[in-house]
Amino acid sequence: GIERVFTIMEKKIKDEMVGANVQVLVASTSSNDSAMCKKFEVAKRLWKGQISAEVSTMKLKMAIQDALARNVPYVIVVGDQEWERGKVKVKVLETKEEEEVDLKEIGEFLKERGAKAGGG
């Protein structure tokens, strides 16, 4: 009866809330302190640009799976070689596209593709 309706409604609300605010998950190819600093540098740029982002502490493959499970549309991959050139890789999870983007232009790049501000 009514309990069933509430259970369905509750599940629907929880599903919509999971990852709903996070637009970008920032991950890296390495897991050292230097990589963590770089990830936070990227996240800080996104936050300043009013883009909801979260820094992942997981290995890259797990971070991508986490983003997919939470419907996070973009994963930024911070790689050592790209970083030396002032760039990061942006993965669009829905289309599986991957593009190398200048770090200075990352906010605009994501906004042009529909990334939004959120509570993350």
Foldseek 3Di string as FASTA:
>chain_A
DVVVVVVVVVVVVVLCPQLVQAQEEEEEQDQDPVSVVVSVVLVVVQVVLQFHYYYDNDHPVVSLVSCVSRVRQKYWYDYPVLVVVQWIWIAGVVVRDIDIDHSVCVNVVVVVVPGHHGDD
